[in-house]
Amino acid sequence: MNLFNLIKKDQEYWLVDQLKVSHIPNIDYLVAFDKLLTEWQEQNVAYLSLLMDEENEDWLLKRRFKKVSSIVEYTRILEGPFKTSKSVQVVALSDSQVSDSEFALLYDACRTGSANKNNLFSISQIMESLERELGENWRDQCFIFSQNGMNSGISIPHIEEGTTDEGRMFYFGVVPEQRGKGYGKLFHAVTLELLKPLGAKIYVGSTDTGNAPMRKIFETNGCILRDIKGIYRIDMEKVDELIK
């Protein structure tokens, strides 16, 4: 079975996520990841970003990884219905008058001031990745929240790759001027409802351990803490310097 989920972007990056299974011993993960790391180095990819259990931190640091931050994962069964509000309009990008470039600006605004430390990508890289990761109909999965004609937030629900019923949010956010007003928990609840037509039976969400507002949103909307992982990164140029 696969012990890691892997997303590749040419020679730019690999994104690796440990798929924790209770009956798999930790040594099996280390052996599998060592092979994956060797392959990454042989293919000369710019960098590798890893989500992995923090019990392996010393092992990773000895292999020249640097720790970026820690994240928490929350989960819940998708029973409902979840809270909605008639005062909030929710529309898919494909059905809106918003252009892709305008959506990119809104996405970037929602990222501004975030408590998450793992900001790996520029907004242009993110927009480029949407079709690659969500498919050619990606605009159908990008939702815009608005009130009184003003766009207040976005969410991008999807089914996790390699699963049939695990719902995730590629991104979820509220513009800075609308934070602290309760919209975050409302928009999140609406997105949980949007996951159900996609076939999602459970939801998994993650955020930086220090992102207290997002953790409160998870808990308010019935999610329970499932796991804590470290985010680690290694750059090929640093590996090359060591070899030289």
C-alpha atoms as a PDB file:
ATOM      1  CA  MET A   1       0.000   0.000   0.000  1.00  0.00           C
ATOM      2  CA  ASN A   2       1.059   3.609  -0.524  1.00  0.00           C
ATOM      3  CA  LEU A   3       2.540   5.106   2.637  1.00  0.00           C
ATOM      4  CA  PHE A   4       2.873   8.619   1.193  1.00  0.00           C
ATOM      5  CA  ASN A   5       0.735  10.801  -1.030  1.00  0.00           C
ATOM      6  CA  LEU A   6       2.916  12.502  -3.645  1.00  0.00           C
ATOM      7  CA  ILE A   7       2.301  15.508  -5.890  1.00  0.00           C
ATOM      8  CA  LYS A   8       4.990  16.342  -8.478  1.00  0.00           C
ATOM      9  CA  LYS A   9       5.489  19.526 -10.520  1.00  0.00           C
ATOM     10  CA  ASP A  10       8.113  18.863 -13.198  1.00  0.00           C
ATOM     11  CA  GLN A  11      11.543  19.759 -11.776  1.00  0.00           C
ATOM     12  CA  GLU A  12      10.101  22.406  -9.453  1.00  0.00           C
ATOM     13  CA  TYR A  13       8.900  20.505  -6.391  1.00  0.00           C
ATOM     14  CA  TRP A  14       7.569  17.358  -4.771  1.00  0.00           C
ATOM     15  CA  LEU A  15       4.866  17.605  -2.088  1.00  0.00           C
ATOM     16  CA  VAL A  16       4.842  14.523   0.138  1.00  0.00           C
ATOM     17  CA  ASP A  17       2.256  13.679   2.819  1.00  0.00           C
ATOM     18  CA  GLN A  18       2.595  10.726   5.180  1.00  0.00           C
ATOM     19  CA  LEU A  19      -0.555   8.558   5.122  1.00  0.00           C
ATOM     20  CA  LYS A  20      -0.631   7.304   8.681  1.00  0.00           C
ATOM     21  CA  VAL A  21      -2.109   3.836   9.247  1.00  0.00           C
ATOM     22  CA  SER A  22      -2.260   2.444  12.779  1.00  0.00           C
ATOM     23  CA  HIS A  23      -0.956  -1.052  11.989  1.00  0.00           C
ATOM     24  CA  ILE A  24       2.046   0.116   9.931  1.00  0.00           C
ATOM     25  CA  PRO A  25       5.260   0.313  12.049  1.00  0.00           C
ATOM     26  CA  ASN A  26       7.205   3.558  11.874  1.00  0.00           C
ATOM     27  CA  ILE A  27      10.303   1.846  10.474  1.00  0.00           C
ATOM     28  CA  ASP A  28       8.335   0.954   7.342  1.00  0.00           C
ATOM     29  CA  TYR A  29       7.663   4.651   6.754  1.00  0.00           C
ATOM     30  CA  LEU A  30      11.332   5.529   7.192  1.00  0.00           C
ATOM     31  CA  VAL A  31      12.451   2.840   4.738  1.00  0.00           C
ATOM     32  CA  ALA A  32       9.832   3.904   2.171  1.00  0.00           C
ATOM     33  CA  PHE A  33      10.670   7.571   2.542  1.00  0.00           C
ATOM     34  CA  ASP A  34      14.406   6.926   2.221  1.00  0.00           C
ATOM     35  CA  LYS A  35      13.727   5.351  -1.185  1.00  0.00           C
ATOM     36  CA  LEU A  36      11.515   8.276  -2.176  1.00  0.00           C
ATOM     37  CA  LEU A  37      14.176  10.761  -1.079  1.00  0.00           C
ATOM     38  CA  THR A  38      16.810   8.987  -3.163  1.00  0.00           C
ATOM     39  CA  GLU A  39      14.523   9.150  -6.206  1.00  0.00           C
ATOM     40  CA  TRP A  40      13.922  12.870  -5.618  1.00  0.00           C
ATOM     41  CA  GLN A  41      17.655  13.505  -5.505  1.00  0.00           C
ATOM     42  CA  GLU A  42      18.328  11.418  -8.619  1.00  0.00           C
ATOM     43  CA  GLN A  43      15.703  13.395 -10.544  1.00  0.00           C
ATOM     44  CA  ASN A  44      17.270  16.686  -9.411  1.00  0.00           C
ATOM     45  CA  VAL A  45      13.992  18.354  -8.377  1.00  0.00           C
ATOM     46  CA  ALA A  46      14.357  21.852  -6.866  1.00  0.00           C
ATOM     47  CA  TYR A  47      12.844  21.078  -3.475  1.00  0.00           C
ATOM     48  CA  LEU A  48      10.754  18.603  -1.507  1.00  0.00           C
ATOM     49  CA  SER A  49       8.147  19.587   1.087  1.00  0.00           C
ATOM     50  CA  LEU A  50       7.102  16.904   3.563  1.00  0.00           C
ATOM     51  CA  LEU A  51       4.264  16.407   6.041  1.00  0.00           C
ATOM     52  CA  MET A  52       5.354  13.760   8.530  1.00  0.00           C
ATOM     53  CA  ASP A  53       4.921  12.634  12.119  1.00  0.00           C
ATOM     54  CA  GLU A  54       7.088  14.773  14.415  1.00  0.00           C
ATOM     55  CA  GLU A  55       8.505  11.678  16.131  1.00  0.00           C
ATOM     56  CA  ASN A  56      10.808  11.461  13.076  1.00  0.00           C
ATOM     57  CA  GLU A  57      12.061  15.025  13.380  1.00  0.00           C
ATOM     58  CA  ASP A  58      15.635  14.217  14.496  1.00  0.00           C
ATOM     59  CA  TRP A  59      15.892  11.623  11.721  1.00  0.00           C
ATOM     60  CA  LEU A  60      14.829  14.240   9.160  1.00  0.00           C
ATOM     61  CA  LEU A  61      17.079  17.007  10.489  1.00  0.00           C
ATOM     62  CA  LYS A  62      20.082  14.691  10.164  1.00  0.00           C
ATOM     63  CA  ARG A  63      19.165  14.369   6.481  1.00  0.00           C
ATOM     64  CA  ARG A  64      19.379  18.162   6.032  1.00  0.00           C
ATOM     65  CA  PHE A  65      15.656  18.889   6.238  1.00  0.00           C
ATOM     66  CA  LYS A  66      14.590  22.162   7.845  1.00  0.00           C
ATOM     67  CA  LYS A  67      11.417  22.444   9.883  1.00  0.00           C
ATOM     68  CA  VAL A  68       8.912  24.975   8.541  1.00  0.00           C
ATOM     69  CA  SER A  69       6.117  24.604  11.110  1.00  0.00           C
ATOM     70  CA  SER A  70       3.665  22.147  12.643  1.00  0.00           C
ATOM     71  CA  ILE A  71       0.089  21.541  11.564  1.00  0.00           C
ATOM     72  CA  VAL A  72      -2.982  20.032  13.168  1.00  0.00           C
ATOM     73  CA  GLU A  73      -5.479  17.866  11.270  1.00  0.00           C
ATOM     74  CA  TYR A  74      -9.165  17.845  12.193  1.00  0.00           C
ATOM     75  CA  THR A  75     -11.892  15.559  10.907  1.00  0.00           C
ATOM     76  CA  ARG A  76     -15.629  14.916  11.098  1.00  0.00           C
ATOM     77  CA  ILE A  77     -18.288  12.763   9.481  1.00  0.00           C
ATOM     78  CA  LEU A  78     -20.276  14.749   6.937  1.00  0.00           C
ATOM     79  CA  GLU A  79     -23.757  14.488   8.307  1.00  0.00           C
ATOM     80  CA  GLY A  80     -25.912  17.542   8.029  1.00  0.00           C
ATOM     81  CA  PRO A  81     -27.388  19.746   6.929  1.00  0.00           C
ATOM     82  CA  PHE A  82     -24.851  22.397   7.893  1.00  0.00           C
ATOM     83  CA  LYS A  83     -25.598  26.003   8.682  1.00  0.00           C
ATOM     84  CA  THR A  84     -26.280  28.418   5.828  1.00  0.00           C
ATOM     85  CA  SER A  85     -27.427  32.039   5.636  1.00  0.00           C
ATOM     86  CA  LYS A  86     -29.754  33.756   3.191  1.00  0.00           C
ATOM     87  CA  SER A  87     -27.721  36.948   3.535  1.00  0.00           C
ATOM     88  CA  VAL A  88     -24.652  35.295   2.017  1.00  0.00           C
ATOM     89  CA  GLN A  89     -24.491  34.545  -1.701  1.00  0.00           C
ATOM     90  CA  VAL A  90     -22.403  31.561  -2.784  1.00  0.00           C
ATOM     91  CA  VAL A  91     -21.515  31.154  -6.451  1.00  0.00           C
ATOM     92  CA  ALA A  92     -19.034  29.004  -8.354  1.00  0.00           C
ATOM     93  CA  LEU A  93     -16.382  30.871 -10.320  1.00  0.00           C
ATOM     94  CA  SER A  94     -17.701  29.206 -13.490  1.00  0.00           C
ATOM     95  CA  ASP A  95     -21.137  30.769 -12.911  1.00  0.00           C
ATOM     96  CA  SER A  96     -19.939  34.197 -11.823  1.00  0.00           C
ATOM     97  CA  GLN A  97     -18.905  37.385 -13.571  1.00  0.00           C
ATOM     98  CA  VAL A  98     -15.513  37.181 -11.860  1.00  0.00           C
ATOM     99  CA  SER A  99     -12.511  36.614 -14.151  1.00  0.00           C
ATOM    100  CA  ASP A 100      -9.690  34.238 -13.333  1.00  0.00           C
ATOM    101  CA  SER A 101      -7.373  37.179 -12.648  1.00  0.00           C
ATOM    102  CA  GLU A 102      -9.930  38.773 -10.312  1.00  0.00           C
ATOM    103  CA  PHE A 103     -10.342  35.457  -8.506  1.00  0.00           C
ATOM    104  CA  ALA A 104      -6.553  35.285  -8.100  1.00  0.00           C
ATOM    105  CA  LEU A 105      -6.563  38.729  -6.479  1.00  0.00           C
ATOM    106  CA  LEU A 106      -9.372  37.674  -4.130  1.00  0.00           C
ATOM    107  CA  TYR A 107      -7.522  34.454  -3.263  1.00  0.00           C
ATOM    108  CA  ASP A 108      -4.370  36.439  -2.508  1.00  0.00           C
ATOM    109  CA  ALA A 109      -6.327  38.880  -0.335  1.00  0.00           C
ATOM    110  CA  CYS A 110      -7.683  35.974   1.711  1.00  0.00           C
ATOM    111  CA  ARG A 111      -4.099  34.793   2.311  1.00  0.00           C
ATOM    112  CA  THR A 112      -2.990  38.197   3.599  1.00  0.00           C
ATOM    113  CA  GLY A 113      -2.204  38.172   7.301  1.00  0.00           C
ATOM    114  CA  SER A 114      -2.756  34.424   7.649  1.00  0.00           C
ATOM    115  CA  ALA A 115      -1.380  32.710  10.756  1.00  0.00           C
ATOM    116  CA  ASN A 116      -0.215  29.805   8.600  1.00  0.00           C
ATOM    117  CA  LYS A 117       3.575  29.749   8.175  1.00  0.00           C
ATOM    118  CA  ASN A 118       3.658  27.307   5.263  1.00  0.00           C
ATOM    119  CA  ASN A 119       3.264  29.770   2.373  1.00  0.00           C
ATOM    120  CA  LEU A 120       5.251  27.896  -0.246  1.00  0.00           C
ATOM    121  CA  PHE A 121       3.740  29.284  -3.424  1.00  0.00           C
ATOM    122  CA  SER A 122       3.095  32.580  -5.147  1.00  0.00           C
ATOM    123  CA  ILE A 123      -0.484  33.232  -6.230  1.00  0.00           C
ATOM    124  CA  SER A 124       0.485  32.635  -9.880  1.00  0.00           C
ATOM    125  CA  GLN A 125       1.843  29.199  -8.965  1.00  0.00           C
ATOM    126  CA  ILE A 126      -1.352  28.412  -7.065  1.00  0.00           C
ATOM    127  CA  MET A 127      -3.588  29.409  -9.965  1.00  0.00           C
ATOM    128  CA  GLU A 128      -1.469  27.305 -12.288  1.00  0.00           C
ATOM    129  CA  SER A 129      -1.861  24.287  -9.993  1.00  0.00           C
ATOM    130  CA  LEU A 130      -5.666  24.423  -9.803  1.00  0.00           C
ATOM    131  CA  GLU A 131      -6.316  22.779 -13.162  1.00  0.00           C
ATOM    132  CA  ARG A 132      -3.488  20.311 -12.672  1.00  0.00           C
ATOM    133  CA  GLU A 133      -4.795  19.123  -9.302  1.00  0.00           C
ATOM    134  CA  LEU A 134      -8.574  19.579  -9.714  1.00  0.00           C
ATOM    135  CA  GLY A 135      -9.021  18.934 -13.437  1.00  0.00           C
ATOM    136  CA  GLU A 136     -10.205  21.005 -16.379  1.00  0.00           C
ATOM    137  CA  ASN A 137     -13.476  21.869 -14.600  1.00  0.00           C
ATOM    138  CA  TRP A 138     -11.653  23.438 -11.641  1.00  0.00           C
ATOM    139  CA  ARG A 139     -13.718  26.624 -11.858  1.00  0.00           C
ATOM    140  CA  ASP A 140     -16.801  24.586 -10.838  1.00  0.00           C
ATOM    141  CA  GLN A 141     -15.081  23.856  -7.504  1.00  0.00           C
ATOM    142  CA  CYS A 142     -13.996  27.431  -6.720  1.00  0.00           C
ATOM    143  CA  PHE A 143     -16.689  29.206  -4.705  1.00  0.00           C
ATOM    144  CA  ILE A 144     -16.999  32.901  -3.901  1.00  0.00           C
ATOM    145  CA  PHE A 145     -18.863  34.197  -0.832  1.00  0.00           C
ATOM    146  CA  SER A 146     -20.367  37.664  -1.106  1.00  0.00           C
ATOM    147  CA  GLN A 147     -22.697  40.001   0.772  1.00  0.00           C
ATOM    148  CA  ASN A 148     -24.313  43.146  -0.599  1.00  0.00           C
ATOM    149  CA  GLY A 149     -22.221  42.869  -3.730  1.00  0.00           C
ATOM    150  CA  MET A 150     -18.910  42.650  -1.848  1.00  0.00           C
ATOM    151  CA  ASN A 151     -16.775  39.519  -2.104  1.00  0.00           C
ATOM    152  CA  SER A 152     -15.902  38.363   1.399  1.00  0.00           C
ATOM    153  CA  GLY A 153     -14.172  34.983   1.007  1.00  0.00           C
ATOM    154  CA  ILE A 154     -13.538  31.872  -1.047  1.00  0.00           C
ATOM    155  CA  SER A 155     -13.412  28.109  -0.647  1.00  0.00           C
ATOM    156  CA  ILE A 156     -12.332  25.267  -2.916  1.00  0.00           C
ATOM    157  CA  PRO A 157     -13.855  21.923  -1.839  1.00  0.00           C
ATOM    158  CA  HIS A 158     -12.636  18.719  -3.479  1.00  0.00           C
ATOM    159  CA  ILE A 159     -12.194  14.976  -2.999  1.00  0.00           C
ATOM    160  CA  GLU A 160      -8.710  14.014  -1.852  1.00  0.00           C
ATOM    161  CA  GLU A 161      -6.702  12.340  -4.587  1.00  0.00           C
ATOM    162  CA  GLY A 162      -6.587   8.559  -4.208  1.00  0.00           C
ATOM    163  CA  THR A 163      -9.863   8.459  -2.256  1.00  0.00           C
ATOM    164  CA  THR A 164     -13.531   8.364  -3.198  1.00  0.00           C
ATOM    165  CA  ASP A 165     -15.119   9.981  -0.150  1.00  0.00           C
ATOM    166  CA  GLU A 166     -12.565  12.066   1.775  1.00  0.00           C
ATOM    167  CA  GLY A 167     -13.507  15.720   1.493  1.00  0.00           C
ATOM    168  CA  ARG A 168     -10.862  18.426   1.702  1.00  0.00           C
ATOM    169  CA  MET A 169     -10.598  22.149   1.051  1.00  0.00           C
ATOM    170  CA  PHE A 170      -7.844  23.084  -1.386  1.00  0.00           C
ATOM    171  CA  TYR A 171      -8.182  26.491   0.204  1.00  0.00           C
ATOM    172  CA  PHE A 172     -10.583  28.336   2.480  1.00  0.00           C
ATOM    173  CA  GLY A 173     -10.289  31.957   3.560  1.00  0.00           C
ATOM    174  CA  VAL A 174     -11.935  35.251   4.480  1.00  0.00           C
ATOM    175  CA  VAL A 175     -10.713  38.689   3.374  1.00  0.00           C
ATOM    176  CA  PRO A 176      -8.981  40.604   6.206  1.00  0.00           C
ATOM    177  CA  GLU A 177     -11.651  43.297   6.616  1.00  0.00           C
ATOM    178  CA  GLN A 178     -14.354  40.670   7.261  1.00  0.00           C
ATOM    179  CA  ARG A 179     -12.478  38.630   9.854  1.00  0.00           C
ATOM    180  CA  GLY A 180     -13.602  38.494  13.467  1.00  0.00           C
ATOM    181  CA  LYS A 181     -17.279  38.814  12.524  1.00  0.00           C
ATOM    182  CA  GLY A 182     -18.255  35.144  12.518  1.00  0.00           C
ATOM    183  CA  TYR A 183     -18.085  34.738   8.741  1.00  0.00           C
ATOM    184  CA  GLY A 184     -15.268  32.202   8.906  1.00  0.00           C
ATOM    185  CA  LYS A 185     -17.316  29.564  10.715  1.00  0.00           C
ATOM    186  CA  LEU A 186     -20.314  30.269   8.451  1.00  0.00           C
ATOM    187  CA  PHE A 187     -18.326  30.005   5.208  1.00  0.00           C
ATOM    188  CA  HIS A 188     -16.627  26.855   6.498  1.00  0.00           C
ATOM    189  CA  ALA A 189     -19.991  25.256   7.376  1.00  0.00           C
ATOM    190  CA  VAL A 190     -21.368  26.124   3.945  1.00  0.00           C
ATOM    191  CA  THR A 191     -18.317  24.486   2.359  1.00  0.00           C
ATOM    192  CA  LEU A 192     -18.889  21.315   4.387  1.00  0.00           C
ATOM    193  CA  GLU A 193     -22.323  21.193   2.770  1.00  0.00           C
ATOM    194  CA  LEU A 194     -20.777  21.779  -0.670  1.00  0.00           C
ATOM    195  CA  LEU A 195     -18.541  18.727  -0.160  1.00  0.00           C
ATOM    196  CA  LYS A 196     -21.492  16.350   0.108  1.00  0.00           C
ATOM    197  CA  PRO A 197     -22.631  16.536  -3.577  1.00  0.00           C
ATOM    198  CA  LEU A 198     -19.048  15.659  -4.535  1.00  0.00           C
ATOM    199  CA  GLY A 199     -19.472  12.332  -2.735  1.00  0.00           C
ATOM    200  CA  ALA A 200     -17.590  13.178   0.454  1.00  0.00           C
ATOM    201  CA  LYS A 201     -18.514  11.138   3.533  1.00  0.00           C
ATOM    202  CA  ILE A 202     -15.843  12.526   5.852  1.00  0.00           C
ATOM    203  CA  TYR A 203     -13.980  15.807   6.026  1.00  0.00           C
ATOM    204  CA  VAL A 204     -10.315  16.380   6.850  1.00  0.00           C
ATOM    205  CA  GLY A 205      -8.960  19.887   7.380  1.00  0.00           C
ATOM    206  CA  SER A 206      -5.609  21.195   8.525  1.00  0.00           C
ATOM    207  CA  THR A 207      -4.008  24.420   9.704  1.00  0.00           C
ATOM    208  CA  ASP A 208      -0.910  25.664  11.459  1.00  0.00           C
ATOM    209  CA  THR A 209      -0.820  24.777  15.153  1.00  0.00           C
ATOM    210  CA  GLY A 210      -0.654  28.476  15.985  1.00  0.00           C
ATOM    211  CA  ASN A 211      -3.711  29.429  13.916  1.00  0.00           C
ATOM    212  CA  ALA A 212      -6.119  29.724  16.839  1.00  0.00           C
ATOM    213  CA  PRO A 213      -9.002  31.303  14.846  1.00  0.00           C
ATOM    214  CA  MET A 214      -9.023  28.441  12.313  1.00  0.00           C
ATOM    215  CA  ARG A 215      -8.772  25.821  15.039  1.00  0.00           C
ATOM    216  CA  LYS A 216     -11.796  27.398  16.722  1.00  0.00           C
ATOM    217  CA  ILE A 217     -13.709  27.257  13.421  1.00  0.00           C
ATOM    218  CA  PHE A 218     -12.961  23.533  13.134  1.00  0.00           C
ATOM    219  CA  GLU A 219     -14.149  22.889  16.677  1.00  0.00           C
ATOM    220  CA  THR A 220     -17.250  25.090  16.385  1.00  0.00           C
ATOM    221  CA  ASN A 221     -18.277  23.132  13.275  1.00  0.00           C
ATOM    222  CA  GLY A 222     -17.962  19.774  15.025  1.00  0.00           C
ATOM    223  CA  CYS A 223     -14.491  18.690  13.869  1.00  0.00           C
ATOM    224  CA  ILE A 224     -12.235  16.755  16.227  1.00  0.00           C
ATOM    225  CA  LEU A 225      -8.437  16.753  16.407  1.00  0.00           C
ATOM    226  CA  ARG A 226      -7.026  13.752  14.548  1.00  0.00           C
ATOM    227  CA  ASP A 227      -3.313  14.298  14.191  1.00  0.00           C
ATOM    228  CA  ILE A 228      -0.341  16.636  14.496  1.00  0.00           C
ATOM    229  CA  LYS A 229       2.388  16.649  11.843  1.00  0.00           C
ATOM    230  CA  GLY A 230       5.532  18.611  11.147  1.00  0.00           C
ATOM    231  CA  ILE A 231       6.183  20.404   7.865  1.00  0.00           C
ATOM    232  CA  TYR A 232       9.743  19.900   6.638  1.00  0.00           C
ATOM    233  CA  ARG A 233      11.586  21.067   3.540  1.00  0.00           C
ATOM    234  CA  ILE A 234      14.800  20.181   1.749  1.00  0.00           C
ATOM    235  CA  ASP A 235      16.287  22.099  -1.206  1.00  0.00           C
ATOM    236  CA  MET A 236      18.362  20.459  -3.903  1.00  0.00           C
ATOM    237  CA  GLU A 237      20.824  23.353  -4.019  1.00  0.00           C
ATOM    238  CA  LYS A 238      21.652  22.741  -0.353  1.00  0.00           C
ATOM    239  CA  VAL A 239      22.192  19.037  -1.057  1.00  0.00           C
ATOM    240  CA  ASP A 240      24.454  19.930  -3.999  1.00  0.00           C
ATOM    241  CA  GLU A 241      26.502  22.269  -1.777  1.00  0.00           C
ATOM    242  CA  LEU A 242      27.078  19.452   0.709  1.00  0.00           C
ATOM    243  CA  ILE A 243      28.191  17.107  -2.066  1.00  0.00           C
ATOM    244  CA  LYS A 244      30.639  19.689  -3.388  1.00  0.00           C
END
